[in-house]
Amino acid sequence: MDIQSLKLNLVQKILNTEKPSLLSKIDRIFQREEKNDWWEQLPIEIRDSIMEGIDDIQKGNTFSHDQVIQEAKQKYGF
């Protein structure tokens, strides 16, 4: 089912229902989505950078805290 068909199907179901509790649940879903959709507010460059970082973590391309401290000590003479 494509997105337009899904939308029409949902609209039809909403229009046909007589259950206030169901309509309230649907309304709360939309309210949560509006409040929690911070990801979409981020610039694409930031999202890409975050996803790249997650990918690096999953591939094991990380440094431990001790490794970073050791490199900083060598580089900056701490």
C-alpha atoms as a PDB file:
ATOM      1  CA  MET A   1       0.000   0.000   0.000  1.00  0.00           C
ATOM      2  CA  ASP A   2       1.488   3.360  -0.972  1.00  0.00           C
ATOM      3  CA  ILE A   3       1.479   6.371   1.348  1.00  0.00           C
ATOM      4  CA  GLN A   4      -1.495   8.088  -0.295  1.00  0.00           C
ATOM      5  CA  SER A   5      -3.622   4.952  -0.074  1.00  0.00           C
ATOM      6  CA  LEU A   6      -2.664   4.536   3.555  1.00  0.00           C
ATOM      7  CA  LYS A   7      -3.611   8.139   4.323  1.00  0.00           C
ATOM      8  CA  LEU A   8      -6.985   7.774   2.629  1.00  0.00           C
ATOM      9  CA  ASN A   9      -7.625   4.513   4.439  1.00  0.00           C
ATOM     10  CA  LEU A  10      -6.819   6.111   7.810  1.00  0.00           C
ATOM     11  CA  VAL A  11      -8.958   9.167   7.084  1.00  0.00           C
ATOM     12  CA  GLN A  12     -11.881   6.924   6.212  1.00  0.00           C
ATOM     13  CA  LYS A  13     -11.475   4.950   9.426  1.00  0.00           C
ATOM     14  CA  ILE A  14     -11.249   8.134  11.490  1.00  0.00           C
ATOM     15  CA  LEU A  15     -14.362   9.563   9.863  1.00  0.00           C
ATOM     16  CA  ASN A  16     -16.299   6.355  10.434  1.00  0.00           C
ATOM     17  CA  THR A  17     -15.404   5.821  14.076  1.00  0.00           C
ATOM     18  CA  GLU A  18     -17.712   6.811  16.889  1.00  0.00           C
ATOM     19  CA  LYS A  19     -15.198   5.972  19.622  1.00  0.00           C
ATOM     20  CA  PRO A  20     -13.945   9.100  21.408  1.00  0.00           C
ATOM     21  CA  SER A  21     -11.254   7.071  23.186  1.00  0.00           C
ATOM     22  CA  LEU A  22      -9.805   5.925  19.868  1.00  0.00           C
ATOM     23  CA  LEU A  23      -9.820   9.465  18.481  1.00  0.00           C
ATOM     24  CA  SER A  24      -8.090  10.685  21.654  1.00  0.00           C
ATOM     25  CA  LYS A  25      -5.388   8.042  21.236  1.00  0.00           C
ATOM     26  CA  ILE A  26      -4.820   9.066  17.633  1.00  0.00           C
ATOM     27  CA  ASP A  27      -4.621  12.708  18.702  1.00  0.00           C
ATOM     28  CA  ARG A  28      -2.045  11.859  21.405  1.00  0.00           C
ATOM     29  CA  ILE A  29       0.078  10.018  18.835  1.00  0.00           C
ATOM     30  CA  PHE A  30       0.202  13.131  16.680  1.00  0.00           C
ATOM     31  CA  GLN A  31       0.972  15.339  19.678  1.00  0.00           C
ATOM     32  CA  ARG A  32       3.877  13.080  20.712  1.00  0.00           C
ATOM     33  CA  GLU A  33       5.223  13.062  17.179  1.00  0.00           C
ATOM     34  CA  GLU A  34       5.187  16.847  17.035  1.00  0.00           C
ATOM     35  CA  LYS A  35       6.978  17.130  20.384  1.00  0.00           C
ATOM     36  CA  ASN A  36       9.529  14.372  19.833  1.00  0.00           C
ATOM     37  CA  ASP A  37      10.468  15.001  16.234  1.00  0.00           C
ATOM     38  CA  TRP A  38      13.669  16.874  17.076  1.00  0.00           C
ATOM     39  CA  TRP A  39      15.675  14.725  14.653  1.00  0.00           C
ATOM     40  CA  GLU A  40      13.943  16.278  11.673  1.00  0.00           C
ATOM     41  CA  GLN A  41      14.780  19.737  13.017  1.00  0.00           C
ATOM     42  CA  LEU A  42      18.527  19.059  12.816  1.00  0.00           C
ATOM     43  CA  PRO A  43      20.413  20.191   9.718  1.00  0.00           C
ATOM     44  CA  ILE A  44      21.137  17.342   7.318  1.00  0.00           C
ATOM     45  CA  GLU A  45      24.893  17.771   7.866  1.00  0.00           C
ATOM     46  CA  ILE A  46      24.459  17.162  11.600  1.00  0.00           C
ATOM     47  CA  ARG A  47      22.237  14.129  11.028  1.00  0.00           C
ATOM     48  CA  ASP A  48      24.763  12.702   8.567  1.00  0.00           C
ATOM     49  CA  SER A  49      27.573  13.267  11.063  1.00  0.00           C
ATOM     50  CA  ILE A  50      25.641  11.532  13.851  1.00  0.00           C
ATOM     51  CA  MET A  51      24.829   8.587  11.602  1.00  0.00           C
ATOM     52  CA  GLU A  52      28.486   8.348  10.570  1.00  0.00           C
ATOM     53  CA  GLY A  53      29.483   8.273  14.244  1.00  0.00           C
ATOM     54  CA  ILE A  54      26.973   5.526  14.993  1.00  0.00           C
ATOM     55  CA  ASP A  55      28.282   3.553  12.032  1.00  0.00           C
ATOM     56  CA  ASP A  56      31.862   3.969  13.323  1.00  0.00           C
ATOM     57  CA  ILE A  57      30.815   2.695  16.765  1.00  0.00           C
ATOM     58  CA  GLN A  58      29.109  -0.342  15.245  1.00  0.00           C
ATOM     59  CA  LYS A  59      32.249  -1.103  13.218  1.00  0.00           C
ATOM     60  CA  GLY A  60      34.461  -0.748  16.296  1.00  0.00           C
ATOM     61  CA  ASN A  61      36.221   2.362  14.984  1.00  0.00           C
ATOM     62  CA  THR A  62      36.508   3.974  18.404  1.00  0.00           C
ATOM     63  CA  PHE A  63      39.134   5.057  20.933  1.00  0.00           C
ATOM     64  CA  SER A  64      39.035   4.433  24.653  1.00  0.00           C
ATOM     65  CA  HIS A  65      39.287   7.292  27.128  1.00  0.00           C
ATOM     66  CA  ASP A  66      42.793   6.127  28.052  1.00  0.00           C
ATOM     67  CA  GLN A  67      43.873   6.178  24.403  1.00  0.00           C
ATOM     68  CA  VAL A  68      42.646   9.744  23.963  1.00  0.00           C
ATOM     69  CA  ILE A  69      44.357  10.907  27.163  1.00  0.00           C
ATOM     70  CA  GLN A  70      47.605   9.227  26.168  1.00  0.00           C
ATOM     71  CA  GLU A  71      47.536  10.845  22.716  1.00  0.00           C
ATOM     72  CA  ALA A  72      46.781  14.267  24.220  1.00  0.00           C
ATOM     73  CA  LYS A  73      49.691  13.866  26.672  1.00  0.00           C
ATOM     74  CA  GLN A  74      52.065  12.987  23.836  1.00  0.00           C
ATOM     75  CA  LYS A  75      50.805  15.717  21.532  1.00  0.00           C
ATOM     76  CA  TYR A  76      50.511  18.562  24.069  1.00  0.00           C
ATOM     77  CA  GLY A  77      53.026  17.472  26.699  1.00  0.00           C
ATOM     78  CA  PHE A  78      50.615  17.139  29.618  1.00  0.00           C
END
